[in-house]
Protein backbone atom coordinates (compact mmCIF):
# COMPACT_ATOMS: atom_id res chain seq x y z
CA UNK A 1 0.00 0.00 0.00
CA UNK A 2 3.03 2.28 -0.10
CA UNK A 3 2.28 3.65 -3.59
CA UNK A 4 -1.32 4.71 -2.85
CA UNK A 5 -0.07 6.17 0.42
CA UNK A 6 2.59 8.32 -1.28
CA UNK A 7 0.20 9.36 -4.04
CA UNK A 8 -2.38 10.42 -1.48
CA UNK A 9 0.20 12.44 0.48
CA UNK A 10 1.15 14.35 -2.68
CA UNK A 11 -2.47 14.74 -3.76
CA UNK A 12 -3.55 15.93 -0.31
CA UNK A 13 -0.79 18.53 -0.24
CA UNK A 14 -1.67 19.83 -3.71
CA UNK A 15 -5.38 19.95 -2.91
CA UNK A 16 -4.66 21.71 0.36
CA UNK A 17 -2.43 24.14 -1.50
CA UNK A 18 -5.31 25.53 -3.56
CA UNK A 19 -5.53 29.07 -2.05
CA UNK A 20 -9.30 29.26 -1.92
CA UNK A 21 -9.55 32.58 -0.08
CA UNK A 22 -7.09 34.24 -2.44
CA UNK A 23 -8.80 32.92 -5.58
CA UNK A 24 -12.34 33.72 -4.42
CA UNK A 25 -11.36 37.25 -3.36
CA UNK A 26 -9.75 37.82 -6.75
CA UNK A 27 -12.71 36.34 -8.61
CA UNK A 28 -15.57 38.01 -6.74
CA UNK A 29 -14.07 41.32 -5.61
CA UNK A 30 -10.90 41.81 -7.62
CA UNK A 31 -8.75 42.21 -4.50
CA UNK A 32 -5.61 40.60 -3.17
CA UNK A 33 -6.68 39.20 0.20
CA UNK A 34 -3.07 39.48 1.37
CA UNK A 35 -3.35 43.29 1.16
CA UNK A 36 -6.49 43.78 3.22
CA UNK A 37 -7.46 43.21 6.85
CA UNK A 38 -5.08 40.89 8.67
CA UNK A 39 -3.41 39.82 5.42
CA UNK A 40 -4.22 36.18 6.21
CA UNK A 41 -5.08 33.96 3.25
CA UNK A 42 -8.04 32.33 4.94
CA UNK A 43 -11.69 32.49 5.88
CA UNK A 44 -11.32 34.94 8.78
CA UNK A 45 -9.91 37.61 6.48
CA UNK A 46 -12.57 36.97 3.84
CA UNK A 47 -15.22 37.45 6.53
CA UNK A 48 -13.51 40.66 7.68
CA UNK A 49 -13.57 41.96 4.12
CA UNK A 50 -17.37 41.79 4.27
CA UNK A 51 -18.21 39.29 1.54
CA UNK A 52 -20.81 36.79 2.80
CA UNK A 53 -21.06 34.63 -0.32
CA UNK A 54 -17.31 34.53 -0.72
CA UNK A 55 -17.05 33.38 2.90
CA UNK A 56 -19.45 30.50 2.29
CA UNK A 57 -17.51 29.35 -0.78
CA UNK A 58 -14.19 29.48 1.09
CA UNK A 59 -15.67 27.69 4.09
CA UNK A 60 -17.06 24.82 2.03
CA UNK A 61 -13.97 24.28 -0.08
CA UNK A 62 -11.47 24.56 2.78
CA UNK A 63 -13.43 22.00 4.78
CA UNK A 64 -13.48 19.63 1.82
CA UNK A 65 -9.73 20.04 1.34
CA UNK A 66 -9.29 18.30 4.68
CA UNK A 67 -12.14 15.81 4.50
CA UNK A 68 -11.75 14.39 1.01
CA UNK A 69 -8.12 13.13 1.22
CA UNK A 70 -8.81 11.38 4.54
CA UNK A 71 -12.02 9.82 3.24
CA UNK A 72 -10.12 8.51 0.22
CA UNK A 73 -7.40 7.13 2.51
CA UNK A 74 -10.10 5.38 4.53
CA UNK A 75 -11.75 4.02 1.39
CA UNK A 76 -8.53 2.36 0.21
CA UNK A 77 -8.04 0.97 3.74
CA UNK A 78 -4.82 2.71 4.72
CA UNK A 79 -3.71 2.35 8.32
CA UNK A 80 -4.87 4.97 10.83
CA UNK A 81 -1.41 6.52 11.08
CA UNK A 82 -1.26 6.76 7.29
CA UNK A 83 -4.67 8.41 7.18
CA UNK A 84 -3.46 10.91 9.77
CA UNK A 85 -0.36 11.71 7.72
CA UNK A 86 -2.51 12.29 4.64
CA UNK A 87 -4.68 14.69 6.64
CA UNK A 88 -1.63 16.54 7.95
CA UNK A 89 -0.34 16.84 4.38
CA UNK A 90 -3.57 18.60 3.36
CA UNK A 91 -3.18 21.05 6.26
CA UNK A 92 0.46 21.67 5.33
CA UNK A 93 -0.66 22.42 1.80
CA UNK A 94 -3.08 25.05 3.07
CA UNK A 95 -0.58 26.58 5.50
CA UNK A 96 2.38 26.56 3.14
CA UNK A 97 0.84 26.59 -0.32
CA UNK A 98 3.12 26.01 -3.26
CA UNK A 99 1.00 28.44 -5.30
CA UNK A 100 1.70 31.50 -3.09
CA UNK A 101 5.42 31.06 -2.38
CA UNK A 102 4.68 28.75 0.56
CA UNK A 103 2.72 31.39 2.45
CA UNK A 104 -0.89 30.39 3.06
CA UNK A 105 -3.57 30.56 5.72
CA UNK A 106 -3.81 29.12 9.20
CA UNK A 107 -5.40 25.83 8.13
CA UNK A 108 -8.11 25.81 10.78
CA UNK A 109 -11.01 24.91 8.47
CA UNK A 110 -8.93 22.33 6.63
CA UNK A 111 -7.94 20.88 10.00
CA UNK A 112 -11.60 20.81 11.01
CA UNK A 113 -12.34 18.84 7.85
CA UNK A 114 -9.61 16.34 8.74
CA UNK A 115 -10.94 15.97 12.29
CA UNK A 116 -14.51 15.54 11.01
CA UNK A 117 -13.40 12.70 8.72
CA UNK A 118 -12.05 10.84 11.77
CA UNK A 119 -14.46 11.86 14.53
CA UNK A 120 -17.50 14.01 13.61
CA UNK A 121 -18.67 14.54 17.20
CA UNK A 122 -15.21 15.55 18.34
CA UNK A 123 -14.96 18.01 15.45
CA UNK A 124 -18.29 19.59 16.40
CA UNK A 125 -17.23 19.84 20.05
CA UNK A 126 -13.97 21.57 19.14
CA UNK A 127 -15.87 23.94 16.84
CA UNK A 128 -18.24 24.77 19.70
CA UNK A 129 -15.28 25.57 21.99
CA UNK A 130 -13.79 27.91 19.40
CA UNK A 131 -17.10 29.62 18.60
CA UNK A 132 -17.77 30.21 22.30
CA UNK A 133 -14.97 32.80 22.21
CA UNK A 134 -16.62 34.92 19.50
CA UNK A 135 -18.66 37.15 21.88
CA UNK A 136 -15.37 38.07 23.58
CA UNK A 137 -13.69 38.85 20.21
CA UNK A 138 -10.93 36.34 20.91
CA UNK A 139 -11.60 33.67 18.31
CA UNK A 140 -7.89 32.97 17.82
CA UNK A 141 -7.52 32.23 21.53
CA UNK A 142 -10.65 30.06 21.53
CA UNK A 143 -9.28 28.17 18.55
CA UNK A 144 -5.98 27.58 20.34
CA UNK A 145 -7.81 26.23 23.40
CA UNK A 146 -9.84 23.90 21.18
CA UNK A 147 -6.68 22.66 19.46
CA UNK A 148 -4.95 21.96 22.79
CA UNK A 149 -8.02 20.05 24.00
CA UNK A 150 -8.22 18.08 20.75
CA UNK A 151 -5.71 15.25 21.39
CA UNK A 152 -6.55 15.21 25.10
CA UNK A 153 -10.24 14.70 24.34
CA UNK A 154 -9.57 12.03 21.72
CA UNK A 155 -7.66 9.95 24.28
CA UNK A 156 -9.53 10.48 27.54
CA UNK A 157 -13.03 11.02 26.14
CA UNK A 158 -12.95 8.52 23.27
CA UNK A 159 -16.06 6.68 24.49
CA UNK A 160 -17.99 9.93 24.84
CA UNK A 161 -17.14 10.99 21.28
CA UNK A 162 -17.69 7.47 19.92
CA UNK A 163 -14.19 6.98 18.52
CA UNK A 164 -11.58 4.27 19.01
CA UNK A 165 -8.95 5.04 21.64
CA UNK A 166 -6.08 4.96 19.18
CA UNK A 167 -2.56 6.19 19.90
CA UNK A 168 -2.01 6.78 16.17
CA UNK A 169 -5.11 8.96 15.95
CA UNK A 170 -4.27 10.89 19.11
CA UNK A 171 -0.74 11.57 17.88
CA UNK A 172 -2.14 12.61 14.51
CA UNK A 173 -4.54 15.06 16.18
CA UNK A 174 -1.68 16.39 18.31
CA UNK A 175 0.14 16.95 15.03
CA UNK A 176 -2.71 19.24 13.94
CA UNK A 177 -2.18 21.31 17.10
CA UNK A 178 1.57 21.49 16.48
CA UNK A 179 1.09 22.62 12.87
CA UNK A 180 -1.29 25.38 13.97
CA UNK A 181 1.19 26.65 16.56
CA UNK A 182 4.10 26.53 14.11
CA UNK A 183 2.08 28.44 11.50
CA UNK A 184 1.21 31.19 13.97
CA UNK A 185 4.73 31.59 15.25
CA UNK A 186 6.38 31.56 11.81
CA UNK A 187 4.07 34.04 10.06
CA UNK A 188 5.94 36.71 8.05
CA UNK A 189 7.54 39.52 10.03
CA UNK A 190 5.70 42.83 10.30
CA UNK A 191 6.78 46.37 11.16
CA UNK A 192 5.95 45.69 14.81
CA UNK A 193 9.03 43.49 15.11
CA UNK A 194 11.07 46.72 15.27
CA UNK A 195 9.24 48.11 18.30
CA UNK A 196 7.92 45.08 20.19
CA UNK A 197 10.21 42.62 22.03
CA UNK A 198 10.47 39.24 20.31
CA UNK A 199 9.20 37.35 23.35
CA UNK A 200 6.12 39.55 23.43
CA UNK A 201 5.52 39.15 19.69
CA UNK A 202 5.67 35.37 19.97
CA UNK A 203 3.34 35.43 22.98
CA UNK A 204 0.76 37.51 21.11
CA UNK A 205 1.12 35.34 18.02
CA UNK A 206 0.52 32.19 20.01
CA UNK A 207 -2.53 33.48 21.86
CA UNK A 208 -4.08 36.02 19.49
CA UNK A 209 -2.50 35.20 16.10
CA UNK A 210 -1.16 38.74 15.72
CA UNK A 211 1.97 40.64 16.73
CA UNK A 212 0.33 43.11 19.12
CA UNK A 213 -2.52 43.07 21.63
CA UNK A 214 -4.49 45.88 19.93
CA UNK A 215 -6.72 44.23 17.34
CA UNK A 216 -7.82 47.49 15.68
CA UNK A 217 -4.25 48.68 15.23
CA UNK A 218 -3.31 45.27 13.83
CA UNK A 219 -6.06 45.35 11.20
CA UNK A 220 -5.36 48.99 10.33
CA UNK A 221 -1.66 48.50 9.68
CA UNK A 222 -0.28 49.09 6.19
CA UNK A 223 1.29 46.34 4.08
């Protein structure tokens, strides 16, 4: 099964690499999503740009980018660890897309699609945790909390979420958390790096997915 496995890894990465937010923003509004709002090539920035239909298109396709490769891996009966690697490849494609000089989005929706393919109830629970932070305008922090809880829940609450208590799956889900953290911390440098201490920048990136605490100043910055 090594050949199908390798083919699926490559296919998952290429599918994940399709920069949906960038393409939809160009197609529907004629803008470069990297030059507006947070500059992130993902759903959150499309939403911030005020395009409802564009947001729905991006949401659907980014979810499918994570779900489809894993479903295919399951259909051809790859091992759980192989399925997890295929899912991680799709997320890597979104985060470091080959089509935009390896600078993509945060991969949260694609990751949600991967999680849903393995454990639908767990995916919905993690989504609920993240969405609970919206009234407090700290969605990035809520998402981080959900990602940290993800592998913990898959191991200790496997019966509750109706999934097998699998070390391979738990490690794979932990890999999703690690990829999200790496993507936040390694985002391109901004002008704030000149005035804000590195430790503080990394702290804000980890918790709030931006280089400063002030959200309005972050969105208003020039690029």
